[in-house]
Amino acid sequence: MSLSSPEIILALDLENREHINQILNATGSRLKWVKVGLQSYLRDGKPLITELADSGKKVFLDLKLHDIPNTMEKALESLTELPVGMITLHACAGPEALTRCAKFAREYLPEVTLLGVTVLTSTNQQGLESIGVNDSIDNQVQRLASLAGKVDWEASSAPPWNYPNLDSLSLHPQPWLLLVSARLMQMQEIRKES
């Protein structure tokens, strides 16, 4: 996947497995990527991931791992047998956790892209301040993207309104950014109104 020819990733974070199957049947073979979030993964587990991959889908596992470094690395280890193409980690887990996960992934998950999540799209300024971050959302996204950019891994993700602000960062390696939101237009409109 590249910015020059983006592919649609359909979120399968739905209330039950039947609804997931309905959506997959309706999209057929046209859809290449699906995103499985925490809700669907905890409910339907590894069998869902395997069935999706067996049906020809590429799987983006959006678990947003965030814990102490050892636990995050062990969480990745528990995913090594799954046929996934991308996995999310919270960049705010810190440099040690991100570095250990990147190192583990290079060795044991070489076909998997790790994505660093900066600020969740549902977070507003008041929410950020309530957790002790007394800075703007834009600055926090830039701070976390810069931190993630210092780790030798594949990409960082950010809310849609932050793309122009990330152009000035020297991210290593040059990552492509992936928006983890099915509400892109809605979020852009909310941002414009505030």
C-alpha atoms as a PDB file:
ATOM      1  CA  MET A   1       0.000   0.000   0.000  1.00  0.00           C
ATOM      2  CA  SER A   2       1.288   3.476  -0.785  1.00  0.00           C
ATOM      3  CA  LEU A   3       0.055   7.051  -0.713  1.00  0.00           C
ATOM      4  CA  SER A   4       0.075   7.151  -4.502  1.00  0.00           C
ATOM      5  CA  SER A   5      -2.430   4.303  -4.701  1.00  0.00           C
ATOM      6  CA  PRO A   6      -4.277   4.082  -1.380  1.00  0.00           C
ATOM      7  CA  GLU A   7      -6.483   1.114  -0.659  1.00  0.00           C
ATOM      8  CA  ILE A   8      -9.688   1.163   1.332  1.00  0.00           C
ATOM      9  CA  ILE A   9      -9.561  -0.559   4.701  1.00  0.00           C
ATOM     10  CA  LEU A  10     -12.999  -1.516   5.975  1.00  0.00           C
ATOM     11  CA  ALA A  11     -13.461  -1.539   9.753  1.00  0.00           C
ATOM     12  CA  LEU A  12     -15.177  -4.697  10.965  1.00  0.00           C
ATOM     13  CA  ASP A  13     -15.839  -3.348  14.456  1.00  0.00           C
ATOM     14  CA  LEU A  14     -19.444  -4.469  14.458  1.00  0.00           C
ATOM     15  CA  GLU A  15     -21.895  -5.698  17.079  1.00  0.00           C
ATOM     16  CA  ASN A  16     -21.805  -9.361  16.054  1.00  0.00           C
ATOM     17  CA  ARG A  17     -20.230 -11.891  13.733  1.00  0.00           C
ATOM     18  CA  GLU A  18     -23.360 -12.170  11.577  1.00  0.00           C
ATOM     19  CA  HIS A  19     -23.120  -8.484  10.704  1.00  0.00           C
ATOM     20  CA  ILE A  20     -19.445  -8.922   9.801  1.00  0.00           C
ATOM     21  CA  ASN A  21     -20.370 -11.793   7.472  1.00  0.00           C
ATOM     22  CA  GLN A  22     -23.125  -9.711   5.840  1.00  0.00           C
ATOM     23  CA  ILE A  23     -20.698  -6.864   5.144  1.00  0.00           C
ATOM     24  CA  LEU A  24     -18.059  -9.242   3.768  1.00  0.00           C
ATOM     25  CA  ASN A  25     -20.596 -10.954   1.506  1.00  0.00           C
ATOM     26  CA  ALA A  26     -21.785  -7.572   0.215  1.00  0.00           C
ATOM     27  CA  THR A  27     -18.257  -6.344  -0.604  1.00  0.00           C
ATOM     28  CA  GLY A  28     -17.059  -9.618  -2.105  1.00  0.00           C
ATOM     29  CA  SER A  29     -13.604  -9.815  -3.626  1.00  0.00           C
ATOM     30  CA  ARG A  30     -13.402  -6.077  -4.365  1.00  0.00           C
ATOM     31  CA  LEU A  31     -12.323  -5.394  -0.796  1.00  0.00           C
ATOM     32  CA  LYS A  32      -8.698  -6.280  -0.079  1.00  0.00           C
ATOM     33  CA  TRP A  33      -8.116  -4.934   3.463  1.00  0.00           C
ATOM     34  CA  VAL A  34     -10.196  -5.265   6.623  1.00  0.00           C
ATOM     35  CA  LYS A  35      -9.575  -3.801  10.061  1.00  0.00           C
ATOM     36  CA  VAL A  36     -10.320  -5.898  13.126  1.00  0.00           C
ATOM     37  CA  GLY A  37     -10.430  -3.851  16.309  1.00  0.00           C
ATOM     38  CA  LEU A  38     -10.359  -4.796  19.946  1.00  0.00           C
ATOM     39  CA  GLN A  39     -14.115  -5.439  20.206  1.00  0.00           C
ATOM     40  CA  SER A  40     -14.239  -7.935  17.346  1.00  0.00           C
ATOM     41  CA  TYR A  41     -10.913  -9.532  18.256  1.00  0.00           C
ATOM     42  CA  LEU A  42     -11.889 -10.152  21.874  1.00  0.00           C
ATOM     43  CA  ARG A  43     -15.299 -11.503  20.877  1.00  0.00           C
ATOM     44  CA  ASP A  44     -14.354 -13.593  17.829  1.00  0.00           C
ATOM     45  CA  GLY A  45     -10.662 -14.219  18.465  1.00  0.00           C
ATOM     46  CA  LYS A  46      -8.037 -15.833  16.305  1.00  0.00           C
ATOM     47  CA  PRO A  47     -10.575 -17.848  14.269  1.00  0.00           C
ATOM     48  CA  LEU A  48     -11.941 -14.595  12.795  1.00  0.00           C
ATOM     49  CA  ILE A  49      -8.464 -13.477  11.734  1.00  0.00           C
ATOM     50  CA  THR A  50      -7.684 -16.853  10.172  1.00  0.00           C
ATOM     51  CA  GLU A  51     -11.017 -16.996   8.313  1.00  0.00           C
ATOM     52  CA  LEU A  52     -10.513 -13.484   6.938  1.00  0.00           C
ATOM     53  CA  ALA A  53      -7.016 -14.310   5.704  1.00  0.00           C
ATOM     54  CA  ASP A  54      -8.182 -17.631   4.258  1.00  0.00           C
ATOM     55  CA  SER A  55     -10.841 -15.736   2.295  1.00  0.00           C
ATOM     56  CA  GLY A  56      -8.125 -13.617   0.687  1.00  0.00           C
ATOM     57  CA  LYS A  57      -8.386 -10.518   2.874  1.00  0.00           C
ATOM     58  CA  LYS A  58      -5.398  -8.664   4.252  1.00  0.00           C
ATOM     59  CA  VAL A  59      -5.927  -8.073   7.972  1.00  0.00           C
ATOM     60  CA  PHE A  60      -5.141  -4.897   9.893  1.00  0.00           C
ATOM     61  CA  LEU A  61      -5.265  -5.800  13.613  1.00  0.00           C
ATOM     62  CA  ASP A  62      -6.105  -2.576  15.432  1.00  0.00           C
ATOM     63  CA  LEU A  63      -5.468  -3.481  19.089  1.00  0.00           C
ATOM     64  CA  LYS A  64      -3.647  -0.251  20.018  1.00  0.00           C
ATOM     65  CA  LEU A  65      -1.263  -2.047  22.359  1.00  0.00           C
ATOM     66  CA  HIS A  66      -0.200   0.109  25.312  1.00  0.00           C
ATOM     67  CA  ASP A  67       1.498  -1.348  28.365  1.00  0.00           C
ATOM     68  CA  ILE A  68       4.927  -1.786  29.876  1.00  0.00           C
ATOM     69  CA  PRO A  69       7.613  -2.697  27.307  1.00  0.00           C
ATOM     70  CA  ASN A  70       7.866  -6.370  28.260  1.00  0.00           C
ATOM     71  CA  THR A  71       4.103  -6.883  28.110  1.00  0.00           C
ATOM     72  CA  MET A  72       3.845  -5.175  24.723  1.00  0.00           C
ATOM     73  CA  GLU A  73       6.628  -7.331  23.316  1.00  0.00           C
ATOM     74  CA  LYS A  74       4.982 -10.484  24.727  1.00  0.00           C
ATOM     75  CA  ALA A  75       1.645  -9.371  23.252  1.00  0.00           C
ATOM     76  CA  LEU A  76       3.296  -9.198  19.823  1.00  0.00           C
ATOM     77  CA  GLU A  77       4.804 -12.621  20.456  1.00  0.00           C
ATOM     78  CA  SER A  78       1.292 -13.985  21.044  1.00  0.00           C
ATOM     79  CA  LEU A  79       0.301 -12.684  17.600  1.00  0.00           C
ATOM     80  CA  THR A  80       3.140 -14.254  15.593  1.00  0.00           C
ATOM     81  CA  GLU A  81       1.000 -17.120  14.303  1.00  0.00           C
ATOM     82  CA  LEU A  82      -1.748 -14.831  13.027  1.00  0.00           C
ATOM     83  CA  PRO A  83      -1.897 -13.887   9.333  1.00  0.00           C
ATOM     84  CA  VAL A  84      -1.987 -10.105   9.784  1.00  0.00           C
ATOM     85  CA  GLY A  85      -0.410  -7.312   7.784  1.00  0.00           C
ATOM     86  CA  MET A  86      -0.583  -4.428  10.272  1.00  0.00           C
ATOM     87  CA  ILE A  87      -0.778  -4.021  14.053  1.00  0.00           C
ATOM     88  CA  THR A  88      -1.259  -0.794  16.036  1.00  0.00           C
ATOM     89  CA  LEU A  89       0.658   0.321  19.127  1.00  0.00           C
ATOM     90  CA  HIS A  90       0.176   3.501  21.172  1.00  0.00           C
ATOM     91  CA  ALA A  91       3.150   5.806  20.650  1.00  0.00           C
ATOM     92  CA  CYS A  92       2.633   7.170  24.162  1.00  0.00           C
ATOM     93  CA  ALA A  93       3.833   3.794  25.498  1.00  0.00           C
ATOM     94  CA  GLY A  94       7.263   5.399  25.157  1.00  0.00           C
ATOM     95  CA  PRO A  95      10.534   4.886  23.345  1.00  0.00           C
ATOM     96  CA  GLU A  96      11.593   1.693  25.136  1.00  0.00           C
ATOM     97  CA  ALA A  97       8.317  -0.087  24.381  1.00  0.00           C
ATOM     98  CA  LEU A  98       8.285   1.082  20.763  1.00  0.00           C
ATOM     99  CA  THR A  99      11.917   0.139  20.210  1.00  0.00           C
ATOM    100  CA  ARG A 100      11.483  -3.322  21.725  1.00  0.00           C
ATOM    101  CA  CYS A 101       8.345  -3.941  19.666  1.00  0.00           C
ATOM    102  CA  ALA A 102      10.024  -2.758  16.473  1.00  0.00           C
ATOM    103  CA  LYS A 103      13.043  -4.966  17.119  1.00  0.00           C
ATOM    104  CA  PHE A 104      10.807  -7.966  17.868  1.00  0.00           C
ATOM    105  CA  ALA A 105       8.707  -7.353  14.752  1.00  0.00           C
ATOM    106  CA  ARG A 106      11.769  -7.093  12.491  1.00  0.00           C
ATOM    107  CA  GLU A 107      12.906 -10.515  13.675  1.00  0.00           C
ATOM    108  CA  TYR A 108       9.658 -12.433  14.183  1.00  0.00           C
ATOM    109  CA  LEU A 109       7.010 -10.502  12.212  1.00  0.00           C
ATOM    110  CA  PRO A 110       8.961  -9.286   9.170  1.00  0.00           C
ATOM    111  CA  GLU A 111       5.866  -9.084   6.962  1.00  0.00           C
ATOM    112  CA  VAL A 112       3.882  -7.046   9.508  1.00  0.00           C
ATOM    113  CA  THR A 113       3.785  -3.249   9.542  1.00  0.00           C
ATOM    114  CA  LEU A 114       3.635  -1.706  13.010  1.00  0.00           C
ATOM    115  CA  LEU A 115       1.652   1.518  13.255  1.00  0.00           C
ATOM    116  CA  GLY A 116       2.167   4.056  16.028  1.00  0.00           C
ATOM    117  CA  VAL A 117      -1.077   5.664  17.160  1.00  0.00           C
ATOM    118  CA  THR A 118      -0.606   9.245  18.347  1.00  0.00           C
ATOM    119  CA  VAL A 119      -3.847  10.848  19.577  1.00  0.00           C
ATOM    120  CA  LEU A 120      -7.141   9.036  19.136  1.00  0.00           C
ATOM    121  CA  THR A 121      -9.596  10.715  16.784  1.00  0.00           C
ATOM    122  CA  SER A 122     -12.182  10.749  19.586  1.00  0.00           C
ATOM    123  CA  THR A 123      -9.920  12.852  21.828  1.00  0.00           C
ATOM    124  CA  ASN A 124     -10.693  16.545  22.051  1.00  0.00           C
ATOM    125  CA  GLN A 125      -8.705  19.285  23.799  1.00  0.00           C
ATOM    126  CA  GLN A 126     -10.593  18.862  27.088  1.00  0.00           C
ATOM    127  CA  GLY A 127      -9.974  15.099  27.021  1.00  0.00           C
ATOM    128  CA  LEU A 128      -6.265  15.640  26.456  1.00  0.00           C
ATOM    129  CA  GLU A 129      -6.062  18.078  29.349  1.00  0.00           C
ATOM    130  CA  SER A 130      -7.982  15.697  31.621  1.00  0.00           C
ATOM    131  CA  ILE A 131      -5.141  13.188  31.339  1.00  0.00           C
ATOM    132  CA  GLY A 132      -2.498  15.795  32.175  1.00  0.00           C
ATOM    133  CA  VAL A 133      -1.406  16.878  28.706  1.00  0.00           C
ATOM    134  CA  ASN A 134      -1.531  20.675  28.838  1.00  0.00           C
ATOM    135  CA  ASP A 135      -0.676  21.242  25.224  1.00  0.00           C
ATOM    136  CA  SER A 136      -2.650  21.381  21.994  1.00  0.00           C
ATOM    137  CA  ILE A 137      -3.732  18.244  20.183  1.00  0.00           C
ATOM    138  CA  ASP A 138      -1.568  19.297  17.235  1.00  0.00           C
ATOM    139  CA  ASN A 139       1.521  19.591  19.435  1.00  0.00           C
ATOM    140  CA  GLN A 140       0.836  16.253  21.147  1.00  0.00           C
ATOM    141  CA  VAL A 141       0.423  14.534  17.776  1.00  0.00           C
ATOM    142  CA  GLN A 142       3.675  16.069  16.568  1.00  0.00           C
ATOM    143  CA  ARG A 143       5.458  15.100  19.791  1.00  0.00           C
ATOM    144  CA  LEU A 144       4.310  11.463  19.596  1.00  0.00           C
ATOM    145  CA  ALA A 145       4.867  11.215  15.841  1.00  0.00           C
ATOM    146  CA  SER A 146       8.389  12.546  16.353  1.00  0.00           C
ATOM    147  CA  LEU A 147       8.975   9.983  19.115  1.00  0.00           C
ATOM    148  CA  ALA A 148       7.630   7.197  16.896  1.00  0.00           C
ATOM    149  CA  GLY A 149       9.684   8.552  13.996  1.00  0.00           C
ATOM    150  CA  LYS A 150      12.887   8.016  15.956  1.00  0.00           C
ATOM    151  CA  VAL A 151      12.088   4.304  16.186  1.00  0.00           C
ATOM    152  CA  ASP A 152      13.108   2.165  13.216  1.00  0.00           C
ATOM    153  CA  TRP A 153       9.674   0.904  12.204  1.00  0.00           C
ATOM    154  CA  GLU A 154       7.146   1.404   9.473  1.00  0.00           C
ATOM    155  CA  ALA A 155       4.592   4.124  10.179  1.00  0.00           C
ATOM    156  CA  SER A 156       2.706   6.408  12.505  1.00  0.00           C
ATOM    157  CA  SER A 157      -0.980   7.179  12.466  1.00  0.00           C
ATOM    158  CA  ALA A 158      -2.566  10.466  13.347  1.00  0.00           C
ATOM    159  CA  PRO A 159      -5.955  12.141  13.254  1.00  0.00           C
ATOM    160  CA  PRO A 160      -6.780  13.403   9.749  1.00  0.00           C
ATOM    161  CA  TRP A 161      -6.461  17.078  10.545  1.00  0.00           C
ATOM    162  CA  ASN A 162      -2.796  16.653  11.515  1.00  0.00           C
ATOM    163  CA  TYR A 163      -1.425  15.546   8.139  1.00  0.00           C
ATOM    164  CA  PRO A 164      -0.230  19.019   7.040  1.00  0.00           C
ATOM    165  CA  ASN A 165       1.437  19.572  10.426  1.00  0.00           C
ATOM    166  CA  LEU A 166       3.468  16.371  10.149  1.00  0.00           C
ATOM    167  CA  ASP A 167       5.147  17.377   6.888  1.00  0.00           C
ATOM    168  CA  SER A 168       7.881  19.236   8.760  1.00  0.00           C
ATOM    169  CA  LEU A 169       8.895  16.254  10.904  1.00  0.00           C
ATOM    170  CA  SER A 170      11.908  14.191   9.994  1.00  0.00           C
ATOM    171  CA  LEU A 171      10.415  10.748  10.428  1.00  0.00           C
ATOM    172  CA  HIS A 172      12.669   7.724   9.986  1.00  0.00           C
ATOM    173  CA  PRO A 173      12.151   5.777   7.852  1.00  0.00           C
ATOM    174  CA  GLN A 174       9.887   7.901   5.664  1.00  0.00           C
ATOM    175  CA  PRO A 175       6.583   6.456   6.817  1.00  0.00           C
ATOM    176  CA  TRP A 176       3.291   6.559   5.069  1.00  0.00           C
ATOM    177  CA  LEU A 177       0.534   7.712   7.380  1.00  0.00           C
ATOM    178  CA  LEU A 178      -2.560   5.685   7.911  1.00  0.00           C
ATOM    179  CA  LEU A 179      -5.776   7.203   9.167  1.00  0.00           C
ATOM    180  CA  VAL A 180      -7.474   4.921  11.654  1.00  0.00           C
ATOM    181  CA  SER A 181     -10.951   6.414  11.447  1.00  0.00           C
ATOM    182  CA  ALA A 182     -14.117   5.584   9.602  1.00  0.00           C
ATOM    183  CA  ARG A 183     -15.289   9.128  10.386  1.00  0.00           C
ATOM    184  CA  LEU A 184     -12.800  11.157   8.322  1.00  0.00           C
ATOM    185  CA  MET A 185     -15.220  13.695   6.889  1.00  0.00           C
ATOM    186  CA  GLN A 186     -17.157  14.015  10.143  1.00  0.00           C
ATOM    187  CA  MET A 187     -13.952  14.641  12.114  1.00  0.00           C
ATOM    188  CA  GLN A 188     -12.757  17.236   9.598  1.00  0.00           C
ATOM    189  CA  GLU A 189     -16.078  19.069   9.906  1.00  0.00           C
ATOM    190  CA  ILE A 190     -15.950  18.971  13.720  1.00  0.00           C
ATOM    191  CA  ARG A 191     -12.399  20.325  13.607  1.00  0.00           C
ATOM    192  CA  LYS A 192     -13.424  23.189  11.290  1.00  0.00           C
ATOM    193  CA  GLU A 193     -16.293  24.158  13.614  1.00  0.00           C
ATOM    194  CA  SER A 194     -14.156  24.325  16.762  1.00  0.00           C
END
